[in-house]
């Protein structure tokens, strides 16, 4: 669980010293993946850095009752004169890994980053993409309760992006995620709840779709009755699929008989098909709304 109590944050060169975040009071439950949504400059990345301890509030406190990662893909902590391997080794030792633990981390990052011989060259010779790959792999090499992501899945080519998204899914199966992304599809895919940031304030929503809808309403995006209905239908279909997935996981853990598991799998397949249909209908309504404009 993570508690945000009376958080205020501003930067003294930002818009006449106005507050970026003001009086943020939220509790993020354990095991719930959360998407941060809002317009550019709303403070999404700032809030993520505060949660991760990379920055400090002017007032208030962040109380972490779990292990929280640094923002996935953060490259600022690398020592340029050291090789990728040496940087990874240093971080692994700092986190208390023994000889075998350090070796496991190095092997994981080397394989995940896919930068070849550059792993043994100074980081200062890396391109920004290579740095990001190294940082992404390093972030996922440790077991945290909560992972932080700020547009991390935009790193690399198409194949690496797909690999990054799958790594996220694997981690979210064991931990939770707090994510900033301009891609609504990945927010809906990876997150259950949402925090909408607007004019320095934060509003919690139990459903990510509701947080995204609140953002749409304040940003002047099309919001006709057919569009609202299509969004609601898509949200309901996604909610039903999550419920069946949860029921299947619980049944597996409880050692349910195969017939019951097969029934749940069939239901899951049906719910996936329904969600695809609802997404297609929503896309069609959005396209019509754009044409009308």
C-alpha atoms as a PDB file:
ATOM      1  CA  UNK A   1       0.000   0.000   0.000  1.00  0.00           C
ATOM      2  CA  UNK A   2       1.153   3.540  -0.788  1.00  0.00           C
ATOM      3  CA  UNK A   3      -0.279   6.593   0.979  1.00  0.00           C
ATOM      4  CA  UNK A   4       0.000  10.149  -0.330  1.00  0.00           C
ATOM      5  CA  UNK A   5      -0.691  12.640   2.444  1.00  0.00           C
ATOM      6  CA  UNK A   6      -1.091  16.348   1.761  1.00  0.00           C
ATOM      7  CA  UNK A   7       1.412  16.382  -1.116  1.00  0.00           C
ATOM      8  CA  UNK A   8       2.457  19.725  -2.582  1.00  0.00           C
ATOM      9  CA  UNK A   9       5.101  20.130  -5.264  1.00  0.00           C
ATOM     10  CA  UNK A  10       6.316  23.019  -7.391  1.00  0.00           C
ATOM     11  CA  UNK A  11       9.426  23.920  -9.363  1.00  0.00           C
ATOM     12  CA  UNK A  12      10.680  27.454  -8.904  1.00  0.00           C
ATOM     13  CA  UNK A  13      11.180  28.006 -12.627  1.00  0.00           C
ATOM     14  CA  UNK A  14       7.728  26.663 -13.537  1.00  0.00           C
ATOM     15  CA  UNK A  15       4.918  29.081 -14.484  1.00  0.00           C
ATOM     16  CA  UNK A  16       5.650  31.754 -11.891  1.00  0.00           C
ATOM     17  CA  UNK A  17       6.231  29.133  -9.177  1.00  0.00           C
ATOM     18  CA  UNK A  18       2.676  27.791  -9.368  1.00  0.00           C
ATOM     19  CA  UNK A  19       2.004  24.439  -7.740  1.00  0.00           C
ATOM     20  CA  UNK A  20       2.384  21.455 -10.065  1.00  0.00           C
ATOM     21  CA  UNK A  21       0.635  19.307  -7.452  1.00  0.00           C
ATOM     22  CA  UNK A  22      -1.364  20.581  -4.517  1.00  0.00           C
ATOM     23  CA  UNK A  23      -2.960  18.841  -1.558  1.00  0.00           C
ATOM     24  CA  UNK A  24      -2.844  15.314  -2.988  1.00  0.00           C
ATOM     25  CA  UNK A  25      -4.397  12.797  -0.593  1.00  0.00           C
ATOM     26  CA  UNK A  26      -4.714   9.252  -1.928  1.00  0.00           C
ATOM     27  CA  UNK A  27      -4.250   5.649  -0.901  1.00  0.00           C
ATOM     28  CA  UNK A  28      -3.122   3.215  -3.588  1.00  0.00           C
ATOM     29  CA  UNK A  29      -4.167  -0.281  -2.465  1.00  0.00           C
ATOM     30  CA  UNK A  30      -1.777  -3.199  -2.637  1.00  0.00           C
ATOM     31  CA  UNK A  31      -2.056  -5.281  -5.788  1.00  0.00           C
ATOM     32  CA  UNK A  32      -3.956  -2.666  -7.813  1.00  0.00           C
ATOM     33  CA  UNK A  33      -2.343  -1.422 -11.035  1.00  0.00           C
ATOM     34  CA  UNK A  34      -2.987   2.277 -11.615  1.00  0.00           C
ATOM     35  CA  UNK A  35      -2.779   4.521 -14.659  1.00  0.00           C
ATOM     36  CA  UNK A  36      -1.995   8.239 -14.279  1.00  0.00           C
ATOM     37  CA  UNK A  37      -3.928  10.283 -16.837  1.00  0.00           C
ATOM     38  CA  UNK A  38      -4.203  13.975 -17.609  1.00  0.00           C
ATOM     39  CA  UNK A  39      -3.049  16.641 -20.064  1.00  0.00           C
ATOM     40  CA  UNK A  40       0.601  17.475 -20.724  1.00  0.00           C
ATOM     41  CA  UNK A  41       2.044  19.384 -17.792  1.00  0.00           C
ATOM     42  CA  UNK A  42      -0.541  18.049 -15.333  1.00  0.00           C
ATOM     43  CA  UNK A  43       2.160  16.546 -13.095  1.00  0.00           C
ATOM     44  CA  UNK A  44       1.926  12.858 -14.013  1.00  0.00           C
ATOM     45  CA  UNK A  45       5.686  12.296 -14.233  1.00  0.00           C
ATOM     46  CA  UNK A  46       6.234  14.475 -11.170  1.00  0.00           C
ATOM     47  CA  UNK A  47       3.822  12.370  -9.117  1.00  0.00           C
ATOM     48  CA  UNK A  48       5.481   9.176 -10.336  1.00  0.00           C
ATOM     49  CA  UNK A  49       8.898  10.465  -9.259  1.00  0.00           C
ATOM     50  CA  UNK A  50       7.534  11.425  -5.841  1.00  0.00           C
ATOM     51  CA  UNK A  51       6.050   7.957  -5.387  1.00  0.00           C
ATOM     52  CA  UNK A  52       9.370   6.384  -6.356  1.00  0.00           C
ATOM     53  CA  UNK A  53      11.417   8.631  -4.065  1.00  0.00           C
ATOM     54  CA  UNK A  54      13.318  10.215  -6.968  1.00  0.00           C
ATOM     55  CA  UNK A  55      12.036  13.643  -5.929  1.00  0.00           C
ATOM     56  CA  UNK A  56      10.776  15.188  -2.698  1.00  0.00           C
ATOM     57  CA  UNK A  57       7.552  17.102  -2.012  1.00  0.00           C
ATOM     58  CA  UNK A  58       7.535  20.670  -0.752  1.00  0.00           C
ATOM     59  CA  UNK A  59       4.976  19.573   1.821  1.00  0.00           C
ATOM     60  CA  UNK A  60       3.331  16.326   2.787  1.00  0.00           C
ATOM     61  CA  UNK A  61       4.584  12.762   2.724  1.00  0.00           C
ATOM     62  CA  UNK A  62       4.682   9.599   0.653  1.00  0.00           C
ATOM     63  CA  UNK A  63       4.331   6.522   2.871  1.00  0.00           C
ATOM     64  CA  UNK A  64       5.396   3.279   1.208  1.00  0.00           C
ATOM     65  CA  UNK A  65       4.370   0.053   2.909  1.00  0.00           C
ATOM     66  CA  UNK A  66       5.824  -2.055   0.103  1.00  0.00           C
ATOM     67  CA  UNK A  67       8.871  -2.281  -2.157  1.00  0.00           C
ATOM     68  CA  UNK A  68       8.622   0.330  -4.924  1.00  0.00           C
ATOM     69  CA  UNK A  69      10.869   0.402  -8.001  1.00  0.00           C
ATOM     70  CA  UNK A  70      12.515   3.428  -9.514  1.00  0.00           C
ATOM     71  CA  UNK A  71      10.817   4.496 -12.792  1.00  0.00           C
ATOM     72  CA  UNK A  72      11.412   1.708 -15.295  1.00  0.00           C
ATOM     73  CA  UNK A  73      13.900   2.754 -17.949  1.00  0.00           C
ATOM     74  CA  UNK A  74      15.389   5.629 -15.925  1.00  0.00           C
ATOM     75  CA  UNK A  75      18.861   6.225 -17.392  1.00  0.00           C
ATOM     76  CA  UNK A  76      20.112   9.107 -15.255  1.00  0.00           C
ATOM     77  CA  UNK A  77      21.880   6.931 -12.680  1.00  0.00           C
ATOM     78  CA  UNK A  78      24.407   5.289 -14.973  1.00  0.00           C
ATOM     79  CA  UNK A  79      28.113   6.100 -14.629  1.00  0.00           C
ATOM     80  CA  UNK A  80      29.280   6.948 -18.149  1.00  0.00           C
ATOM     81  CA  UNK A  81      32.875   5.783 -17.716  1.00  0.00           C
ATOM     82  CA  UNK A  82      31.758   2.332 -16.524  1.00  0.00           C
ATOM     83  CA  UNK A  83      30.602  -0.417 -18.864  1.00  0.00           C
ATOM     84  CA  UNK A  84      27.032  -1.616 -18.967  1.00  0.00           C
ATOM     85  CA  UNK A  85      28.083  -4.768 -17.125  1.00  0.00           C
ATOM     86  CA  UNK A  86      29.866  -2.778 -14.407  1.00  0.00           C
ATOM     87  CA  UNK A  87      26.868  -0.488 -13.911  1.00  0.00           C
ATOM     88  CA  UNK A  88      24.529  -3.465 -13.576  1.00  0.00           C
ATOM     89  CA  UNK A  89      26.929  -5.222 -11.220  1.00  0.00           C
ATOM     90  CA  UNK A  90      27.161  -2.122  -9.015  1.00  0.00           C
ATOM     91  CA  UNK A  91      23.367  -1.769  -8.724  1.00  0.00           C
ATOM     92  CA  UNK A  92      22.967  -5.491  -8.015  1.00  0.00           C
ATOM     93  CA  UNK A  93      25.499  -5.278  -5.186  1.00  0.00           C
ATOM     94  CA  UNK A  94      23.841  -2.182  -3.725  1.00  0.00           C
ATOM     95  CA  UNK A  95      20.561  -4.102  -3.571  1.00  0.00           C
ATOM     96  CA  UNK A  96      22.212  -6.747  -1.438  1.00  0.00           C
ATOM     97  CA  UNK A  97      22.621  -9.574  -3.893  1.00  0.00           C
ATOM     98  CA  UNK A  98      25.165 -12.276  -3.091  1.00  0.00           C
ATOM     99  CA  UNK A  99      27.494 -13.677  -5.723  1.00  0.00           C
ATOM    100  CA  UNK A 100      24.771 -15.801  -7.308  1.00  0.00           C
ATOM    101  CA  UNK A 101      22.216 -13.001  -7.054  1.00  0.00           C
ATOM    102  CA  UNK A 102      24.534 -10.538  -8.791  1.00  0.00           C
ATOM    103  CA  UNK A 103      25.267 -13.065 -11.541  1.00  0.00           C
ATOM    104  CA  UNK A 104      21.543 -13.690 -12.046  1.00  0.00           C
ATOM    105  CA  UNK A 105      20.880  -9.951 -12.442  1.00  0.00           C
ATOM    106  CA  UNK A 106      23.768  -9.488 -14.887  1.00  0.00           C
ATOM    107  CA  UNK A 107      22.680 -12.462 -16.999  1.00  0.00           C
ATOM    108  CA  UNK A 108      19.073 -11.253 -17.062  1.00  0.00           C
ATOM    109  CA  UNK A 109      19.944  -7.684 -18.088  1.00  0.00           C
ATOM    110  CA  UNK A 110      22.455  -8.785 -20.724  1.00  0.00           C
ATOM    111  CA  UNK A 111      19.884 -11.069 -22.324  1.00  0.00           C
ATOM    112  CA  UNK A 112      16.976  -8.671 -22.023  1.00  0.00           C
ATOM    113  CA  UNK A 113      18.711  -5.509 -23.274  1.00  0.00           C
ATOM    114  CA  UNK A 114      19.962  -7.158 -26.481  1.00  0.00           C
ATOM    115  CA  UNK A 115      22.837  -4.706 -26.986  1.00  0.00           C
ATOM    116  CA  UNK A 116      25.468  -7.349 -27.787  1.00  0.00           C
ATOM    117  CA  UNK A 117      29.180  -6.510 -27.292  1.00  0.00           C
ATOM    118  CA  UNK A 118      28.228  -2.972 -26.189  1.00  0.00           C
ATOM    119  CA  UNK A 119      27.350  -4.467 -22.792  1.00  0.00           C
ATOM    120  CA  UNK A 120      31.108  -4.457 -22.096  1.00  0.00           C
ATOM    121  CA  UNK A 121      31.736  -0.949 -23.405  1.00  0.00           C
ATOM    122  CA  UNK A 122      31.458   2.361 -21.490  1.00  0.00           C
ATOM    123  CA  UNK A 123      27.872   3.567 -21.194  1.00  0.00           C
ATOM    124  CA  UNK A 124      28.965   7.015 -22.416  1.00  0.00           C
ATOM    125  CA  UNK A 125      29.386   5.446 -25.881  1.00  0.00           C
ATOM    126  CA  UNK A 126      25.764   4.231 -25.951  1.00  0.00           C
ATOM    127  CA  UNK A 127      22.956   5.735 -27.979  1.00  0.00           C
ATOM    128  CA  UNK A 128      19.904   6.889 -26.013  1.00  0.00           C
ATOM    129  CA  UNK A 129      18.050   3.783 -27.179  1.00  0.00           C
ATOM    130  CA  UNK A 130      20.786   1.476 -25.883  1.00  0.00           C
ATOM    131  CA  UNK A 131      20.786   3.265 -22.536  1.00  0.00           C
ATOM    132  CA  UNK A 132      17.019   2.856 -22.318  1.00  0.00           C
ATOM    133  CA  UNK A 133      17.214  -0.858 -23.116  1.00  0.00           C
ATOM    134  CA  UNK A 134      19.854  -1.349 -20.426  1.00  0.00           C
ATOM    135  CA  UNK A 135      17.824   0.626 -17.896  1.00  0.00           C
ATOM    136  CA  UNK A 136      14.618  -1.221 -18.769  1.00  0.00           C
ATOM    137  CA  UNK A 137      16.259  -4.602 -18.250  1.00  0.00           C
ATOM    138  CA  UNK A 138      17.867  -3.479 -14.989  1.00  0.00           C
ATOM    139  CA  UNK A 139      14.527  -2.276 -13.623  1.00  0.00           C
ATOM    140  CA  UNK A 140      12.882  -5.632 -14.292  1.00  0.00           C
ATOM    141  CA  UNK A 141      15.769  -7.672 -12.888  1.00  0.00           C
ATOM    142  CA  UNK A 142      14.624  -7.058  -9.308  1.00  0.00           C
ATOM    143  CA  UNK A 143      11.489  -8.221  -7.532  1.00  0.00           C
ATOM    144  CA  UNK A 144       9.465  -5.187  -6.423  1.00  0.00           C
ATOM    145  CA  UNK A 145       5.899  -5.085  -5.131  1.00  0.00           C
ATOM    146  CA  UNK A 146       5.132  -2.044  -7.288  1.00  0.00           C
ATOM    147  CA  UNK A 147       6.773  -1.080 -10.583  1.00  0.00           C
ATOM    148  CA  UNK A 148       6.734   2.495 -11.887  1.00  0.00           C
ATOM    149  CA  UNK A 149       6.590   3.209 -15.619  1.00  0.00           C
ATOM    150  CA  UNK A 150       6.763   6.518 -17.491  1.00  0.00           C
ATOM    151  CA  UNK A 151       6.212   5.742 -21.191  1.00  0.00           C
ATOM    152  CA  UNK A 152       8.652   2.851 -20.766  1.00  0.00           C
ATOM    153  CA  UNK A 153       7.098   0.647 -23.452  1.00  0.00           C
ATOM    154  CA  UNK A 154       7.973   3.215 -26.145  1.00  0.00           C
ATOM    155  CA  UNK A 155      11.627   2.104 -26.013  1.00  0.00           C
ATOM    156  CA  UNK A 156      13.206   0.392 -29.018  1.00  0.00           C
ATOM    157  CA  UNK A 157      11.936  -1.106 -32.240  1.00  0.00           C
ATOM    158  CA  UNK A 158       8.648  -2.956 -32.718  1.00  0.00           C
ATOM    159  CA  UNK A 159      10.043  -6.312 -31.571  1.00  0.00           C
ATOM    160  CA  UNK A 160      11.551  -4.819 -28.406  1.00  0.00           C
ATOM    161  CA  UNK A 161       8.331  -2.918 -27.646  1.00  0.00           C
ATOM    162  CA  UNK A 162       6.405  -6.183 -27.856  1.00  0.00           C
ATOM    163  CA  UNK A 163       8.961  -7.790 -25.558  1.00  0.00           C
ATOM    164  CA  UNK A 164       8.670  -4.879 -23.113  1.00  0.00           C
ATOM    165  CA  UNK A 165       4.878  -5.140 -23.014  1.00  0.00           C
ATOM    166  CA  UNK A 166       5.057  -8.876 -22.381  1.00  0.00           C
ATOM    167  CA  UNK A 167       7.571  -8.277 -19.586  1.00  0.00           C
ATOM    168  CA  UNK A 168       5.102  -5.813 -18.064  1.00  0.00           C
ATOM    169  CA  UNK A 169       2.327  -8.388 -18.227  1.00  0.00           C
ATOM    170  CA  UNK A 170       4.521 -10.997 -16.578  1.00  0.00           C
ATOM    171  CA  UNK A 171       5.435  -8.594 -13.777  1.00  0.00           C
ATOM    172  CA  UNK A 172       1.878  -7.394 -13.218  1.00  0.00           C
ATOM    173  CA  UNK A 173       0.896 -11.022 -12.720  1.00  0.00           C
ATOM    174  CA  UNK A 174       3.129 -11.055  -9.629  1.00  0.00           C
ATOM    175  CA  UNK A 175       3.167  -7.392  -8.604  1.00  0.00           C
ATOM    176  CA  UNK A 176       1.375  -4.170  -9.537  1.00  0.00           C
ATOM    177  CA  UNK A 177       2.129  -1.192 -11.718  1.00  0.00           C
ATOM    178  CA  UNK A 178       1.768   2.588 -11.584  1.00  0.00           C
ATOM    179  CA  UNK A 179       1.946   3.814 -15.151  1.00  0.00           C
ATOM    180  CA  UNK A 180       2.120   7.034 -17.168  1.00  0.00           C
ATOM    181  CA  UNK A 181       1.353   6.635 -20.864  1.00  0.00           C
ATOM    182  CA  UNK A 182      -0.324   8.621 -23.615  1.00  0.00           C
ATOM    183  CA  UNK A 183      -1.500   5.312 -25.070  1.00  0.00           C
ATOM    184  CA  UNK A 184      -4.993   4.705 -23.746  1.00  0.00           C
ATOM    185  CA  UNK A 185      -4.998   1.136 -25.059  1.00  0.00           C
ATOM    186  CA  UNK A 186      -2.040   0.059 -22.928  1.00  0.00           C
ATOM    187  CA  UNK A 187      -3.446   1.872 -19.878  1.00  0.00           C
ATOM    188  CA  UNK A 188      -6.694  -0.043 -20.287  1.00  0.00           C
ATOM    189  CA  UNK A 189      -4.803  -3.270 -20.871  1.00  0.00           C
ATOM    190  CA  UNK A 190      -2.428  -2.988 -17.916  1.00  0.00           C
ATOM    191  CA  UNK A 191      -4.328  -0.982 -15.277  1.00  0.00           C
ATOM    192  CA  UNK A 192      -7.479  -1.489 -13.249  1.00  0.00           C
ATOM    193  CA  UNK A 193      -7.760   1.891 -11.506  1.00  0.00           C
ATOM    194  CA  UNK A 194      -6.858   5.419 -12.544  1.00  0.00           C
ATOM    195  CA  UNK A 195      -5.732   8.749 -11.108  1.00  0.00           C
ATOM    196  CA  UNK A 196      -6.831  11.801 -13.089  1.00  0.00           C
ATOM    197  CA  UNK A 197      -4.577  14.846 -12.669  1.00  0.00           C
ATOM    198  CA  UNK A 198      -5.928  18.267 -13.576  1.00  0.00           C
ATOM    199  CA  UNK A 199      -4.900  21.764 -12.451  1.00  0.00           C
ATOM    200  CA  UNK A 200      -2.734  20.381  -9.657  1.00  0.00           C
ATOM    201  CA  UNK A 201      -5.447  18.169  -8.195  1.00  0.00           C
ATOM    202  CA  UNK A 202      -5.775  14.387  -8.258  1.00  0.00           C
ATOM    203  CA  UNK A 203      -8.949  12.321  -8.408  1.00  0.00           C
ATOM    204  CA  UNK A 204      -9.056   8.571  -7.822  1.00  0.00           C
ATOM    205  CA  UNK A 205     -11.208   6.263  -9.953  1.00  0.00           C
ATOM    206  CA  UNK A 206     -11.710   2.571  -9.225  1.00  0.00           C
ATOM    207  CA  UNK A 207     -11.903   1.946 -12.991  1.00  0.00           C
ATOM    208  CA  UNK A 208      -9.301   3.197 -15.485  1.00  0.00           C
ATOM    209  CA  UNK A 209     -12.047   3.820 -18.070  1.00  0.00           C
ATOM    210  CA  UNK A 210     -13.698   6.325 -15.744  1.00  0.00           C
ATOM    211  CA  UNK A 211     -10.405   8.193 -15.263  1.00  0.00           C
ATOM    212  CA  UNK A 212      -9.886   8.348 -19.028  1.00  0.00           C
ATOM    213  CA  UNK A 213     -13.481   9.528 -19.519  1.00  0.00           C
ATOM    214  CA  UNK A 214     -12.904  12.324 -16.979  1.00  0.00           C
ATOM    215  CA  UNK A 215      -9.821  13.387 -18.929  1.00  0.00           C
ATOM    216  CA  UNK A 216     -11.808  13.404 -22.170  1.00  0.00           C
ATOM    217  CA  UNK A 217     -14.521  15.570 -20.637  1.00  0.00           C
ATOM    218  CA  UNK A 218     -12.089  18.253 -19.454  1.00  0.00           C
ATOM    219  CA  UNK A 219      -9.974  18.227 -22.622  1.00  0.00           C
ATOM    220  CA  UNK A 220     -12.835  18.903 -25.019  1.00  0.00           C
ATOM    221  CA  UNK A 221     -12.682  15.540 -26.748  1.00  0.00           C
ATOM    222  CA  UNK A 222     -15.880  14.391 -28.513  1.00  0.00           C
ATOM    223  CA  UNK A 223     -18.383  13.097 -25.967  1.00  0.00           C
ATOM    224  CA  UNK A 224     -21.670  12.482 -27.780  1.00  0.00           C
ATOM    225  CA  UNK A 225     -24.303  10.091 -26.447  1.00  0.00           C
ATOM    226  CA  UNK A 226     -23.317   7.311 -28.914  1.00  0.00           C
ATOM    227  CA  UNK A 227     -19.664   7.734 -27.916  1.00  0.00           C
ATOM    228  CA  UNK A 228     -20.500   7.526 -24.212  1.00  0.00           C
ATOM    229  CA  UNK A 229     -22.597   4.422 -24.832  1.00  0.00           C
ATOM    230  CA  UNK A 230     -19.825   2.763 -26.839  1.00  0.00           C
ATOM    231  CA  UNK A 231     -17.249   3.568 -24.142  1.00  0.00           C
ATOM    232  CA  UNK A 232     -19.545   2.172 -21.454  1.00  0.00           C
ATOM    233  CA  UNK A 233     -20.145  -1.019 -23.429  1.00  0.00           C
ATOM    234  CA  UNK A 234     -16.393  -1.467 -23.915  1.00  0.00           C
ATOM    235  CA  UNK A 235     -15.753  -0.813 -20.232  1.00  0.00           C
ATOM    236  CA  UNK A 236     -18.403  -3.376 -19.220  1.00  0.00           C
ATOM    237  CA  UNK A 237     -16.935  -5.996 -21.572  1.00  0.00           C
ATOM    238  CA  UNK A 238     -13.443  -5.403 -20.180  1.00  0.00           C
ATOM    239  CA  UNK A 239     -14.748  -5.610 -16.619  1.00  0.00           C
ATOM    240  CA  UNK A 240     -16.491  -8.922 -17.358  1.00  0.00           C
ATOM    241  CA  UNK A 241     -13.308 -10.368 -18.868  1.00  0.00           C
ATOM    242  CA  UNK A 242     -11.287  -9.350 -15.808  1.00  0.00           C
ATOM    243  CA  UNK A 243     -13.853 -11.000 -13.538  1.00  0.00           C
ATOM    244  CA  UNK A 244     -13.671 -14.292 -15.449  1.00  0.00           C
ATOM    245  CA  UNK A 245      -9.853 -14.161 -15.462  1.00  0.00           C
ATOM    246  CA  UNK A 246      -9.863 -13.651 -11.693  1.00  0.00           C
ATOM    247  CA  UNK A 247     -12.334 -16.517 -11.208  1.00  0.00           C
ATOM    248  CA  UNK A 248     -10.157 -18.806 -13.336  1.00  0.00           C
ATOM    249  CA  UNK A 249      -7.020 -17.895 -11.366  1.00  0.00           C
ATOM    250  CA  UNK A 250      -8.819 -18.524  -8.065  1.00  0.00           C
ATOM    251  CA  UNK A 251     -10.181 -21.849  -9.310  1.00  0.00           C
ATOM    252  CA  UNK A 252      -6.715 -22.961 -10.396  1.00  0.00           C
ATOM    253  CA  UNK A 253      -5.235 -21.985  -7.038  1.00  0.00           C
ATOM    254  CA  UNK A 254      -7.992 -23.893  -5.228  1.00  0.00           C
ATOM    255  CA  UNK A 255      -7.388 -27.051  -7.285  1.00  0.00           C
ATOM    256  CA  UNK A 256     -10.769 -27.043  -9.037  1.00  0.00           C
ATOM    257  CA  UNK A 257     -11.662 -29.969 -11.294  1.00  0.00           C
ATOM    258  CA  UNK A 258     -10.833 -29.766 -14.999  1.00  0.00           C
ATOM    259  CA  UNK A 259     -14.462 -29.521 -16.099  1.00  0.00           C
ATOM    260  CA  UNK A 260     -14.925 -26.328 -14.087  1.00  0.00           C
ATOM    261  CA  UNK A 261     -11.665 -24.887 -15.418  1.00  0.00           C
ATOM    262  CA  UNK A 262     -12.716 -25.725 -18.986  1.00  0.00           C
ATOM    263  CA  UNK A 263     -16.021 -23.923 -18.456  1.00  0.00           C
ATOM    264  CA  UNK A 264     -14.197 -20.827 -17.222  1.00  0.00           C
ATOM    265  CA  UNK A 265     -11.771 -20.980 -20.161  1.00  0.00           C
ATOM    266  CA  UNK A 266     -14.691 -21.134 -22.591  1.00  0.00           C
ATOM    267  CA  UNK A 267     -16.265 -18.152 -20.850  1.00  0.00           C
ATOM    268  CA  UNK A 268     -12.949 -16.291 -21.052  1.00  0.00           C
ATOM    269  CA  UNK A 269     -12.757 -16.939 -24.800  1.00  0.00           C
ATOM    270  CA  UNK A 270     -16.291 -15.621 -25.246  1.00  0.00           C
ATOM    271  CA  UNK A 271     -15.548 -12.503 -23.169  1.00  0.00           C
ATOM    272  CA  UNK A 272     -12.418 -11.806 -25.221  1.00  0.00           C
ATOM    273  CA  UNK A 273     -14.423 -12.025 -28.441  1.00  0.00           C
ATOM    274  CA  UNK A 274     -17.059  -9.715 -26.983  1.00  0.00           C
ATOM    275  CA  UNK A 275     -14.401  -7.200 -25.932  1.00  0.00           C
ATOM    276  CA  UNK A 276     -12.891  -7.213 -29.428  1.00  0.00           C
ATOM    277  CA  UNK A 277     -16.347  -6.567 -30.858  1.00  0.00           C
ATOM    278  CA  UNK A 278     -16.997  -3.690 -28.451  1.00  0.00           C
ATOM    279  CA  UNK A 279     -13.598  -2.156 -29.236  1.00  0.00           C
ATOM    280  CA  UNK A 280     -14.361  -2.298 -32.958  1.00  0.00           C
ATOM    281  CA  UNK A 281     -17.737  -0.646 -32.368  1.00  0.00           C
ATOM    282  CA  UNK A 282     -16.100   2.084 -30.275  1.00  0.00           C
ATOM    283  CA  UNK A 283     -13.502   2.719 -32.987  1.00  0.00           C
ATOM    284  CA  UNK A 284     -16.274   3.045 -35.572  1.00  0.00           C
ATOM    285  CA  UNK A 285     -18.205   5.534 -33.414  1.00  0.00           C
ATOM    286  CA  UNK A 286     -15.018   7.570 -32.841  1.00  0.00           C
ATOM    287  CA  UNK A 287     -14.328   7.637 -36.581  1.00  0.00           C
ATOM    288  CA  UNK A 288     -17.867   8.840 -37.240  1.00  0.00           C
ATOM    289  CA  UNK A 289     -17.487  11.560 -34.596  1.00  0.00           C
ATOM    290  CA  UNK A 290     -14.238  12.729 -36.234  1.00  0.00           C
ATOM    291  CA  UNK A 291     -15.939  12.828 -39.650  1.00  0.00           C
ATOM    292  CA  UNK A 292     -18.811  14.878 -38.225  1.00  0.00           C
ATOM    293  CA  UNK A 293     -16.302  17.416 -36.875  1.00  0.00           C
END
